[in-house]
Amino acid sequence: MSEYYDVRSNSWRSYGGDAQQGIIWEDKPTRREQGLKFALKILLGGRCVVCGDSELSRLDIDHILPLADGGTYEPSSLQLLCKECHKDKTRRWMRGEIV
């Protein structure tokens, strides 16, 4: 069994079979990367841009324009969303409701 990071659900999962289509696989972040993500959350304002949630452990760094559609890692292309707002945005994007 291996472990992978599912960026769509923003969680670690066990993996024992074939990759599911649409899931992006990344290595587990190092402590340094976790620290950088924490700092970026603070620099981006520390609040979900949709609902205002400010609990840093519930905040995800979101690409305003998804990477699959040409988004980048530039700071101006990133925003903070809480996990629920991020899931909602991802669902709407996958259904084609937002472009």
Foldseek 3Di string as FASTA:
>chain_A
DDWWQFPLQRDIDDDDDDDDPPGDTDDDDDPVVVVVQLVLCVVQPQAAPPPGDRPSVQKDKDQCQDVVRPTDPPSVRIHIHGSVVSNVVSVCVVVVVDD
